[in-house]
Amino acid sequence: MRLPPFGKGQRIGLFGGSFNPAHRGHYMVALYALKRLKLDWVWWLVSPQNPLKDPRETDDYGKRLAYTRRIARHPRFVVSDLERQISTRYTAQTLEALKGAFANGHFVWIMGADSLANLHHWHHWTDIMEAVPVAVLARPGYSIRALQSPAATRYASCRVPQHLAASLPLRKPPAFCFVTMPLRKESSTAIRKRRKRP
């Protein structure tokens, strides 16, 4: 497993997704997390296949990876094929594989509010919450659903106030923080639909 380089004690954001395709909304989520959480790096982990989505809707991995690298152009962003290297389809498995790295840095998982709203459908979702602190970035139409979701309800006592977001990477899990940001309308689903139009 080839990890992106990082220094001991650095603060790393893990931003996973199928990025099918990556777009400016993803970039702004990563950028906002970088700034609000005072991260040293954001690793974009391009998933080979989202297990909750139809495989027929997933574009060629190499093309997705290359396009994500075009979108994620920032000196503190690294686009990685880590999940393909370890042949995992599940976030919980990815985090388990990264346990050794956790001893050398401060890691936090970055997700959109839409993901928190549906987190209880993910494979071993409580293992995710127990593995690393989680930063949840606002997405249009999902804030209320996310904060009333089974995951948010179960871990309500572990919610970190937004004004303490920068402390999240240093906290012991479970811990999550809901971070508001200017909402973006971009959607991978909408982009794919437009591409299919004659």
Protein backbone atom coordinates (compact mmCIF):
# COMPACT_ATOMS: atom_id res chain seq x y z
CA MET A 1 0.00 0.00 0.00
CA ARG A 2 1.54 3.30 -1.14
CA LEU A 3 0.41 6.14 1.06
CA PRO A 4 0.79 9.77 0.02
CA PRO A 5 3.71 11.31 1.93
CA PHE A 6 2.95 13.16 5.15
CA GLY A 7 4.86 14.33 8.20
CA LYS A 8 4.52 12.92 11.69
CA GLY A 9 1.77 14.71 13.59
CA GLN A 10 0.27 16.31 10.49
CA ARG A 11 -3.49 16.71 10.12
CA ILE A 12 -4.91 14.70 7.21
CA GLY A 13 -8.41 14.86 5.77
CA LEU A 14 -9.65 11.70 4.04
CA PHE A 15 -12.17 12.60 1.35
CA GLY A 16 -13.62 9.44 -0.15
CA GLY A 17 -16.06 8.95 -2.98
CA SER A 18 -16.67 7.55 -6.43
CA PHE A 19 -16.22 11.07 -7.90
CA ASN A 20 -18.25 10.06 -10.92
CA PRO A 21 -17.42 12.63 -12.07
CA ALA A 22 -15.56 14.95 -9.71
CA HIS A 23 -16.75 18.55 -9.94
CA ARG A 24 -16.29 22.02 -8.49
CA GLY A 25 -18.64 21.21 -5.61
CA HIS A 26 -16.29 18.44 -4.46
CA TYR A 27 -13.37 20.86 -4.74
CA MET A 28 -15.11 23.42 -2.53
CA VAL A 29 -16.02 20.81 0.11
CA ALA A 30 -12.37 19.74 0.27
CA LEU A 31 -11.16 23.35 0.33
CA TYR A 32 -13.59 24.37 3.05
CA ALA A 33 -12.62 21.34 5.15
CA LEU A 34 -8.93 22.16 4.62
CA LYS A 35 -9.44 25.66 5.99
CA ARG A 36 -12.00 25.09 8.74
CA LEU A 37 -10.24 22.01 10.16
CA LYS A 38 -6.78 23.53 9.67
CA LEU A 39 -5.59 20.47 7.76
CA ASP A 40 -2.15 19.96 6.29
CA TRP A 41 -3.44 17.70 3.51
CA VAL A 42 -6.65 16.40 1.99
CA TRP A 43 -6.35 12.96 0.40
CA TRP A 44 -9.03 12.34 -2.23
CA LEU A 45 -9.66 8.58 -2.16
CA VAL A 46 -11.25 7.59 -5.46
CA SER A 47 -13.33 4.47 -4.88
CA PRO A 48 -13.30 1.71 -7.53
CA GLN A 49 -17.02 1.15 -6.96
CA ASN A 50 -19.60 2.55 -4.56
CA PRO A 51 -21.43 -0.54 -3.22
CA LEU A 52 -24.65 1.47 -2.84
CA LYS A 53 -24.73 2.45 -6.51
CA ASP A 54 -25.40 0.57 -9.73
CA PRO A 55 -22.06 -0.61 -11.22
CA ARG A 56 -23.43 0.30 -14.65
CA GLU A 57 -23.43 3.95 -13.55
CA THR A 58 -19.71 3.89 -12.73
CA ASP A 59 -17.38 5.21 -15.41
CA ASP A 60 -13.97 3.70 -16.17
CA TYR A 61 -11.80 3.95 -13.04
CA GLY A 62 -8.76 5.27 -14.85
CA LYS A 63 -10.78 8.05 -16.42
CA ARG A 64 -12.39 8.98 -13.10
CA LEU A 65 -9.02 9.03 -11.37
CA ALA A 66 -7.46 11.21 -14.08
CA TYR A 67 -10.41 13.60 -14.16
CA THR A 68 -10.43 13.89 -10.36
CA ARG A 69 -6.76 14.89 -10.53
CA ARG A 70 -7.70 17.64 -12.98
CA ILE A 71 -10.41 18.96 -10.64
CA ALA A 72 -8.40 18.64 -7.40
CA ARG A 73 -5.56 20.95 -8.39
CA HIS A 74 -4.32 22.44 -5.15
CA PRO A 75 -0.90 22.22 -3.45
CA ARG A 76 -2.44 20.52 -0.41
CA PHE A 77 -4.69 18.05 -2.26
CA VAL A 78 -3.51 14.55 -3.19
CA VAL A 79 -5.64 12.24 -5.34
CA SER A 80 -4.98 8.60 -4.47
CA ASP A 81 -5.92 5.15 -5.79
CA LEU A 82 -5.47 3.76 -2.28
CA GLU A 83 -8.79 1.89 -2.28
CA ARG A 84 -7.94 0.17 -5.54
CA GLN A 85 -4.54 -0.81 -4.13
CA ILE A 86 -6.14 -2.56 -1.17
CA SER A 87 -9.09 -3.87 -3.21
CA THR A 88 -11.77 -2.50 -0.92
CA ARG A 89 -15.26 -1.26 -1.66
CA TYR A 90 -16.06 -0.26 1.90
CA THR A 91 -14.98 2.78 3.92
CA ALA A 92 -14.78 0.72 7.12
CA GLN A 93 -12.24 -1.58 5.45
CA THR A 94 -10.24 1.39 4.17
CA LEU A 95 -10.00 2.87 7.64
CA GLU A 96 -8.99 -0.50 9.08
CA ALA A 97 -6.17 -0.69 6.53
CA LEU A 98 -5.01 2.80 7.52
CA LYS A 99 -4.76 2.06 11.24
CA GLY A 100 -0.98 1.93 11.10
CA ALA A 101 -0.85 5.44 9.64
CA PHE A 102 -3.14 6.77 12.37
CA ALA A 103 -0.29 6.39 14.87
CA ASN A 104 1.76 8.96 12.95
CA GLY A 105 -0.82 11.60 12.10
CA HIS A 106 -4.17 13.11 12.99
CA PHE A 107 -6.79 11.86 10.53
CA VAL A 108 -10.38 12.93 9.95
CA TRP A 109 -12.96 11.57 7.50
CA ILE A 110 -14.68 14.20 5.32
CA MET A 111 -18.19 13.60 4.01
CA GLY A 112 -21.11 15.60 2.72
CA ALA A 113 -24.36 15.91 4.65
CA ASP A 114 -25.99 13.59 2.10
CA SER A 115 -23.61 10.84 3.18
CA LEU A 116 -24.35 11.33 6.88
CA ALA A 117 -28.07 11.16 6.12
CA ASN A 118 -27.54 7.69 4.62
CA LEU A 119 -24.59 6.51 6.71
CA HIS A 120 -26.68 3.88 8.52
CA HIS A 121 -26.91 2.01 5.18
CA TRP A 122 -23.11 1.77 4.85
CA HIS A 123 -21.22 -1.45 5.60
CA HIS A 124 -20.22 -1.49 9.30
CA TRP A 125 -21.08 2.18 9.59
CA THR A 126 -20.53 2.37 13.35
CA ASP A 127 -16.95 1.19 12.79
CA ILE A 128 -16.43 4.30 10.66
CA MET A 129 -17.64 6.61 13.43
CA GLU A 130 -15.52 4.78 15.97
CA ALA A 131 -12.35 4.80 13.82
CA VAL A 132 -11.76 8.50 13.13
CA PRO A 133 -13.37 11.87 13.79
CA VAL A 134 -15.84 12.79 11.04
CA ALA A 135 -16.35 16.20 9.45
CA VAL A 136 -19.74 16.65 7.80
CA LEU A 137 -19.99 19.45 5.25
CA ALA A 138 -23.35 20.98 4.37
CA ARG A 139 -25.02 19.98 1.09
CA PRO A 140 -28.17 21.50 -0.45
CA GLY A 141 -31.34 19.90 0.90
CA TYR A 142 -29.63 17.55 3.35
CA SER A 143 -28.83 19.49 6.53
CA ILE A 144 -32.00 18.60 8.44
CA ARG A 145 -32.04 14.99 7.23
CA ALA A 146 -28.38 14.58 8.14
CA LEU A 147 -28.77 15.96 11.67
CA GLN A 148 -31.87 13.83 12.27
CA SER A 149 -30.34 10.68 10.78
CA PRO A 150 -29.76 7.47 12.77
CA ALA A 151 -26.00 8.14 12.78
CA ALA A 152 -26.33 11.71 14.06
CA THR A 153 -28.88 10.62 16.65
CA ARG A 154 -26.78 7.71 17.89
CA TYR A 155 -23.68 9.90 18.26
CA ALA A 156 -25.41 13.12 19.32
CA SER A 157 -23.37 13.33 22.52
CA CYS A 158 -20.19 13.21 20.42
CA ARG A 159 -21.05 16.21 18.26
CA VAL A 160 -18.41 18.94 18.32
CA PRO A 161 -19.68 22.54 18.08
CA GLN A 162 -18.86 24.18 14.76
CA HIS A 163 -16.76 26.92 16.38
CA LEU A 164 -14.44 24.14 17.60
CA ALA A 165 -14.16 22.49 14.17
CA ALA A 166 -10.38 23.03 14.07
CA SER A 167 -10.03 20.76 17.11
CA LEU A 168 -11.76 17.83 15.39
CA PRO A 169 -8.64 16.09 13.97
CA LEU A 170 -7.11 16.04 17.44
CA ARG A 171 -10.13 14.49 19.14
CA LYS A 172 -10.56 10.86 20.07
CA PRO A 173 -13.38 9.16 18.12
CA PRO A 174 -16.27 9.00 18.09
CA ALA A 175 -16.53 12.69 17.34
CA PHE A 176 -18.23 14.53 14.50
CA CYS A 177 -18.76 18.13 13.52
CA PHE A 178 -21.35 19.58 11.15
CA VAL A 179 -19.74 22.41 9.21
CA THR A 180 -21.84 24.92 7.28
CA MET A 181 -20.51 26.34 4.04
CA PRO A 182 -21.81 28.17 0.96
CA LEU A 183 -23.99 25.61 -0.78
CA ARG A 184 -23.14 24.41 -4.26
CA LYS A 185 -25.65 23.07 -6.80
CA GLU A 186 -23.28 20.74 -8.66
CA SER A 187 -24.25 17.07 -8.65
CA SER A 188 -22.44 14.08 -10.17
CA THR A 189 -25.81 12.48 -10.90
CA ALA A 190 -27.03 15.56 -12.76
CA ILE A 191 -23.78 15.78 -14.73
CA ARG A 192 -24.07 12.13 -15.80
CA LYS A 193 -27.69 12.70 -16.90
CA ARG A 194 -26.69 15.72 -19.00
CA ARG A 195 -23.93 13.69 -20.65
CA LYS A 196 -26.45 11.03 -21.71
CA ARG A 197 -28.75 13.49 -23.46
CA PRO A 198 -28.67 13.25 -27.25
